[in-house]
Amino acid sequence: MERTFPQCLKCSLGVLVPLSDYGREGASILYKAWVCTNPECGFHLRIDNGEITAGESIPRTSRGK
């Protein structure tokens, strides 16, 4: 089954793809964030502690290096 993802309404070039994460107690959180595939755009939606946040750039961290 082929999946389709919504087009990014900010840039109209990328699509929004879902990202998953793990909660504090190790439970899987499906679709914690949606990010635009266009690196020039950087738009994203996130769920943090029950609050939805939207941004136009993705902060860079040294975590995971």
PDB file of N, CA and C in Angstrom:
ATOM      1  N   MET A   1       0.834  -1.171   0.000  1.00  0.00           N
ATOM      2  CA  MET A   1       0.000   0.000   0.000  1.00  0.00           C
ATOM      3  C   MET A   1       0.888   1.247   0.000  1.00  0.00           C
ATOM      4  N   GLU A   2       0.673   2.108  -0.951  1.00  0.00           N
ATOM      5  CA  GLU A   2       1.467   3.325  -1.066  1.00  0.00           C
ATOM      6  C   GLU A   2       0.904   4.404  -0.146  1.00  0.00           C
ATOM      7  N   ARG A   3       1.800   5.100   0.549  1.00  0.00           N
ATOM      8  CA  ARG A   3       1.379   6.186   1.431  1.00  0.00           C
ATOM      9  C   ARG A   3       1.581   7.516   0.730  1.00  0.00           C
ATOM     10  N   THR A   4       0.667   8.413   0.949  1.00  0.00           N
ATOM     11  CA  THR A   4       0.836   9.767   0.443  1.00  0.00           C
ATOM     12  C   THR A   4       0.854  10.717   1.634  1.00  0.00           C
ATOM     13  N   PHE A   5       1.637  11.757   1.529  1.00  0.00           N
ATOM     14  CA  PHE A   5       1.776  12.721   2.605  1.00  0.00           C
ATOM     15  C   PHE A   5       1.316  14.089   2.115  1.00  0.00           C
ATOM     16  N   PRO A   6       0.846  14.937   3.037  1.00  0.00           N
ATOM     17  CA  PRO A   6       0.337  16.249   2.625  1.00  0.00           C
ATOM     18  C   PRO A   6       1.452  17.173   2.151  1.00  0.00           C
ATOM     19  N   GLN A   7       1.112  17.997   1.171  1.00  0.00           N
ATOM     20  CA  GLN A   7       2.056  18.989   0.671  1.00  0.00           C
ATOM     21  C   GLN A   7       2.249  20.071   1.729  1.00  0.00           C
ATOM     22  N   CYS A   8       3.463  20.577   1.834  1.00  0.00           N
ATOM     23  CA  CYS A   8       3.753  21.671   2.762  1.00  0.00           C
ATOM     24  C   CYS A   8       3.099  22.942   2.227  1.00  0.00           C
ATOM     25  N   LEU A   9       2.238  23.543   3.025  1.00  0.00           N
ATOM     26  CA  LEU A   9       1.542  24.749   2.594  1.00  0.00           C
ATOM     27  C   LEU A   9       2.407  25.998   2.730  1.00  0.00           C
ATOM     28  N   LYS A  10       3.528  25.895   3.446  1.00  0.00           N
ATOM     29  CA  LYS A  10       4.419  27.052   3.575  1.00  0.00           C
ATOM     30  C   LYS A  10       5.242  27.255   2.304  1.00  0.00           C
ATOM     31  N   CYS A  11       5.856  26.173   1.801  1.00  0.00           N
ATOM     32  CA  CYS A  11       6.747  26.321   0.644  1.00  0.00           C
ATOM     33  C   CYS A  11       6.172  25.747  -0.646  1.00  0.00           C
ATOM     34  N   SER A  12       5.216  24.857  -0.551  1.00  0.00           N
ATOM     35  CA  SER A  12       4.589  24.190  -1.706  1.00  0.00           C
ATOM     36  C   SER A  12       5.545  23.309  -2.499  1.00  0.00           C
ATOM     37  N   LEU A  13       6.772  23.132  -2.024  1.00  0.00           N
ATOM     38  CA  LEU A  13       7.742  22.290  -2.728  1.00  0.00           C
ATOM     39  C   LEU A  13       7.935  20.942  -2.047  1.00  0.00           C
ATOM     40  N   GLY A  14       7.927  20.939  -0.730  1.00  0.00           N
ATOM     41  CA  GLY A  14       8.129  19.708   0.028  1.00  0.00           C
ATOM     42  C   GLY A  14       6.813  19.097   0.460  1.00  0.00           C
ATOM     43  N   VAL A  15       6.923  17.949   1.096  1.00  0.00           N
ATOM     44  CA  VAL A  15       5.763  17.307   1.710  1.00  0.00           C
ATOM     45  C   VAL A  15       6.053  17.157   3.197  1.00  0.00           C
ATOM     46  N   LEU A  16       4.996  17.071   3.999  1.00  0.00           N
ATOM     47  CA  LEU A  16       5.161  16.876   5.434  1.00  0.00           C
ATOM     48  C   LEU A  16       5.226  15.387   5.722  1.00  0.00           C
ATOM     49  N   VAL A  17       6.295  14.953   6.366  1.00  0.00           N
ATOM     50  CA  VAL A  17       6.459  13.545   6.718  1.00  0.00           C
ATOM     51  C   VAL A  17       6.453  13.408   8.238  1.00  0.00           C
ATOM     52  N   PRO A  18       5.899  12.305   8.751  1.00  0.00           N
ATOM     53  CA  PRO A  18       5.806  12.126  10.199  1.00  0.00           C
ATOM     54  C   PRO A  18       7.097  11.578  10.794  1.00  0.00           C
ATOM     55  N   LEU A  19       7.376  11.993  12.027  1.00  0.00           N
ATOM     56  CA  LEU A  19       8.491  11.460  12.805  1.00  0.00           C
ATOM     57  C   LEU A  19       7.942  10.927  14.117  1.00  0.00           C
ATOM     58  N   SER A  20       8.509   9.842  14.591  1.00  0.00           N
ATOM     59  CA  SER A  20       8.087   9.234  15.849  1.00  0.00           C
ATOM     60  C   SER A  20       9.171   9.423  16.898  1.00  0.00           C
ATOM     61  N   ASP A  21       8.814   9.182  18.161  1.00  0.00           N
ATOM     62  CA  ASP A  21       9.765   9.342  19.262  1.00  0.00           C
ATOM     63  C   ASP A  21       9.343   8.404  20.381  1.00  0.00           C
ATOM     64  N   TYR A  22      10.050   8.462  21.475  1.00  0.00           N
ATOM     65  CA  TYR A  22       9.704   7.689  22.664  1.00  0.00           C
ATOM     66  C   TYR A  22       9.424   8.647  23.809  1.00  0.00           C
ATOM     67  N   GLY A  23       8.433   8.323  24.627  1.00  0.00           N
ATOM     68  CA  GLY A  23       8.088   9.135  25.785  1.00  0.00           C
ATOM     69  C   GLY A  23       9.066   8.933  26.921  1.00  0.00           C
ATOM     70  N   ARG A  24       8.819   9.640  28.009  1.00  0.00           N
ATOM     71  CA  ARG A  24       9.705   9.587  29.179  1.00  0.00           C
ATOM     72  C   ARG A  24       9.835   8.187  29.745  1.00  0.00           C
ATOM     73  N   GLU A  25       8.776   7.408  29.650  1.00  0.00           N
ATOM     74  CA  GLU A  25       8.782   6.058  30.228  1.00  0.00           C
ATOM     75  C   GLU A  25       9.042   4.982  29.179  1.00  0.00           C
ATOM     76  N   GLY A  26       9.471   5.401  27.988  1.00  0.00           N
ATOM     77  CA  GLY A  26       9.825   4.452  26.954  1.00  0.00           C
ATOM     78  C   GLY A  26       8.714   4.053  26.005  1.00  0.00           C
ATOM     79  N   ALA A  27       7.517   4.607  26.200  1.00  0.00           N
ATOM     80  CA  ALA A  27       6.402   4.279  25.310  1.00  0.00           C
ATOM     81  C   ALA A  27       6.592   4.971  23.961  1.00  0.00           C
ATOM     82  N   SER A  28       6.256   4.267  22.901  1.00  0.00           N
ATOM     83  CA  SER A  28       6.375   4.811  21.560  1.00  0.00           C
ATOM     84  C   SER A  28       5.314   5.886  21.322  1.00  0.00           C
ATOM     85  N   ILE A  29       5.735   7.007  20.726  1.00  0.00           N
ATOM     86  CA  ILE A  29       4.814   8.084  20.361  1.00  0.00           C
ATOM     87  C   ILE A  29       4.851   8.206  18.843  1.00  0.00           C
ATOM     88  N   LEU A  30       3.804   7.717  18.194  1.00  0.00           N
ATOM     89  CA  LEU A  30       3.726   7.823  16.739  1.00  0.00           C
ATOM     90  C   LEU A  30       3.353   9.243  16.353  1.00  0.00           C
ATOM     91  N   TYR A  31       3.960   9.728  15.306  1.00  0.00           N
ATOM     92  CA  TYR A  31       3.642  11.046  14.750  1.00  0.00           C
ATOM     93  C   TYR A  31       3.798  12.165  15.767  1.00  0.00           C
ATOM     94  N   LYS A  32       4.913  12.176  16.467  1.00  0.00           N
ATOM     95  CA  LYS A  32       5.199  13.256  17.424  1.00  0.00           C
ATOM     96  C   LYS A  32       5.442  14.569  16.688  1.00  0.00           C
ATOM     97  N   ALA A  33       5.986  14.479  15.490  1.00  0.00           N
ATOM     98  CA  ALA A  33       6.287  15.686  14.719  1.00  0.00           C
ATOM     99  C   ALA A  33       6.055  15.428  13.241  1.00  0.00           C
ATOM    100  N   TRP A  34       5.778  16.481  12.525  1.00  0.00           N
ATOM    101  CA  TRP A  34       5.688  16.455  11.064  1.00  0.00           C
ATOM    102  C   TRP A  34       6.668  17.499  10.557  1.00  0.00           C
ATOM    103  N   VAL A  35       7.528  17.131   9.611  1.00  0.00           N
ATOM    104  CA  VAL A  35       8.529  18.061   9.097  1.00  0.00           C
ATOM    105  C   VAL A  35       8.465  18.118   7.578  1.00  0.00           C
ATOM    106  N   CYS A  36       8.806  19.284   7.043  1.00  0.00           N
ATOM    107  CA  CYS A  36       8.835  19.465   5.590  1.00  0.00           C
ATOM    108  C   CYS A  36      10.114  18.837   5.039  1.00  0.00           C
ATOM    109  N   THR A  37       9.988  18.149   3.913  1.00  0.00           N
ATOM    110  CA  THR A  37      11.146  17.500   3.294  1.00  0.00           C
ATOM    111  C   THR A  37      12.043  18.476   2.539  1.00  0.00           C
ATOM    112  N   ASN A  38      11.602  19.704   2.353  1.00  0.00           N
ATOM    113  CA  ASN A  38      12.405  20.714   1.673  1.00  0.00           C
ATOM    114  C   ASN A  38      13.345  21.356   2.698  1.00  0.00           C
ATOM    115  N   PRO A  39      14.660  21.093   2.620  1.00  0.00           N
ATOM    116  CA  PRO A  39      15.589  21.619   3.623  1.00  0.00           C
ATOM    117  C   PRO A  39      15.641  23.148   3.656  1.00  0.00           C
ATOM    118  N   GLU A  40      15.296  23.799   2.564  1.00  0.00           N
ATOM    119  CA  GLU A  40      15.281  25.264   2.532  1.00  0.00           C
ATOM    120  C   GLU A  40      14.115  25.816   3.352  1.00  0.00           C
ATOM    121  N   CYS A  41      13.058  25.039   3.506  1.00  0.00           N
ATOM    122  CA  CYS A  41      11.848  25.474   4.198  1.00  0.00           C
ATOM    123  C   CYS A  41      11.976  25.304   5.707  1.00  0.00           C
ATOM    124  N   GLY A  42      12.173  24.083   6.162  1.00  0.00           N
ATOM    125  CA  GLY A  42      12.340  23.812   7.584  1.00  0.00           C
ATOM    126  C   GLY A  42      11.074  23.852   8.425  1.00  0.00           C
ATOM    127  N   PHE A  43       9.894  23.969   7.807  1.00  0.00           N
ATOM    128  CA  PHE A  43       8.656  24.030   8.589  1.00  0.00           C
ATOM    129  C   PHE A  43       8.420  22.718   9.324  1.00  0.00           C
ATOM    130  N   HIS A  44       7.893  22.811  10.561  1.00  0.00           N
ATOM    131  CA  HIS A  44       7.578  21.607  11.326  1.00  0.00           C
ATOM    132  C   HIS A  44       6.452  21.865  12.317  1.00  0.00           C
ATOM    133  N   LEU A  45       5.747  20.801  12.657  1.00  0.00           N
ATOM    134  CA  LEU A  45       4.729  20.783  13.709  1.00  0.00           C
ATOM    135  C   LEU A  45       5.172  19.752  14.721  1.00  0.00           C
ATOM    136  N   ARG A  46       5.029  20.069  16.018  1.00  0.00           N
ATOM    137  CA  ARG A  46       5.442  19.137  17.074  1.00  0.00           C
ATOM    138  C   ARG A  46       4.389  19.060  18.155  1.00  0.00           C
ATOM    139  N   ILE A  47       4.398  17.938  18.862  1.00  0.00           N
ATOM    140  CA  ILE A  47       3.583  17.790  20.060  1.00  0.00           C
ATOM    141  C   ILE A  47       4.547  17.599  21.222  1.00  0.00           C
ATOM    142  N   ASP A  48       4.520  18.532  22.173  1.00  0.00           N
ATOM    143  CA  ASP A  48       5.364  18.458  23.369  1.00  0.00           C
ATOM    144  C   ASP A  48       4.491  18.643  24.596  1.00  0.00           C
ATOM    145  N   ASN A  49       4.457  17.626  25.445  1.00  0.00           N
ATOM    146  CA  ASN A  49       3.654  17.681  26.673  1.00  0.00           C
ATOM    147  C   ASN A  49       2.215  18.104  26.403  1.00  0.00           C
ATOM    148  N   GLY A  50       1.650  17.592  25.324  1.00  0.00           N
ATOM    149  CA  GLY A  50       0.262  17.875  24.991  1.00  0.00           C
ATOM    150  C   GLY A  50       0.031  19.189  24.267  1.00  0.00           C
ATOM    151  N   GLU A  51       1.066  19.977  24.027  1.00  0.00           N
ATOM    152  CA  GLU A  51       0.924  21.244  23.318  1.00  0.00           C
ATOM    153  C   GLU A  51       1.453  21.104  21.901  1.00  0.00           C
ATOM    154  N   ILE A  52       0.717  21.662  20.952  1.00  0.00           N
ATOM    155  CA  ILE A  52       1.134  21.644  19.549  1.00  0.00           C
ATOM    156  C   ILE A  52       1.873  22.938  19.258  1.00  0.00           C
ATOM    157  N   THR A  53       3.077  22.808  18.700  1.00  0.00           N
ATOM    158  CA  THR A  53       3.853  23.984  18.322  1.00  0.00           C
ATOM    159  C   THR A  53       4.201  23.887  16.849  1.00  0.00           C
ATOM    160  N   ALA A  54       4.257  25.029  16.199  1.00  0.00           N
ATOM    161  CA  ALA A  54       4.626  25.089  14.789  1.00  0.00           C
ATOM    162  C   ALA A  54       5.805  26.033  14.666  1.00  0.00           C
ATOM    163  N   GLY A  55       6.707  25.716  13.770  1.00  0.00           N
ATOM    164  CA  GLY A  55       7.873  26.566  13.585  1.00  0.00           C
ATOM    165  C   GLY A  55       8.280  26.619  12.135  1.00  0.00           C
ATOM    166  N   GLU A  56       9.093  27.600  11.845  1.00  0.00           N
ATOM    167  CA  GLU A  56       9.554  27.764  10.482  1.00  0.00           C
ATOM    168  C   GLU A  56      11.001  27.358  10.308  1.00  0.00           C
ATOM    169  N   SER A  57      11.651  26.973  11.398  1.00  0.00           N
ATOM    170  CA  SER A  57      13.009  26.453  11.275  1.00  0.00           C
ATOM    171  C   SER A  57      13.200  25.372  12.322  1.00  0.00           C
ATOM    172  N   ILE A  58      14.040  24.425  12.006  1.00  0.00           N
ATOM    173  CA  ILE A  58      14.298  23.311  12.905  1.00  0.00           C
ATOM    174  C   ILE A  58      15.590  23.602  13.655  1.00  0.00           C
ATOM    175  N   PRO A  59      15.521  23.676  14.989  1.00  0.00           N
ATOM    176  CA  PRO A  59      16.748  23.960  15.741  1.00  0.00           C
ATOM    177  C   PRO A  59      17.764  22.838  15.590  1.00  0.00           C
ATOM    178  N   ARG A  60      19.010  23.197  15.463  1.00  0.00           N
ATOM    179  CA  ARG A  60      20.099  22.219  15.348  1.00  0.00           C
ATOM    180  C   ARG A  60      20.644  21.926  16.732  1.00  0.00           C
ATOM    181  N   THR A  61      20.917  20.652  17.002  1.00  0.00           N
ATOM    182  CA  THR A  61      21.494  20.274  18.288  1.00  0.00           C
ATOM    183  C   THR A  61      22.704  19.393  18.059  1.00  0.00           C
ATOM    184  N   SER A  62      23.489  19.239  19.092  1.00  0.00           N
ATOM    185  CA  SER A  62      24.637  18.343  19.003  1.00  0.00           C
ATOM    186  C   SER A  62      24.266  16.954  19.501  1.00  0.00           C
ATOM    187  N   ARG A  63      23.023  16.774  19.940  1.00  0.00           N
ATOM    188  CA  ARG A  63      22.554  15.493  20.452  1.00  0.00           C
ATOM    189  C   ARG A  63      22.609  14.430  19.358  1.00  0.00           C
ATOM    190  N   GLY A  64      23.043  13.263  19.710  1.00  0.00           N
ATOM    191  CA  GLY A  64      23.100  12.171  18.749  1.00  0.00           C
ATOM    192  C   GLY A  64      24.401  12.101  17.978  1.00  0.00           C
ATOM    193  N   LYS A  65      25.313  13.023  18.226  1.00  0.00           N
ATOM    194  CA  LYS A  65      26.600  12.985  17.514  1.00  0.00           C
ATOM    195  C   LYS A  65      27.598  12.177  18.275  1.00  0.00           C
TER     196      LYS A  65
END
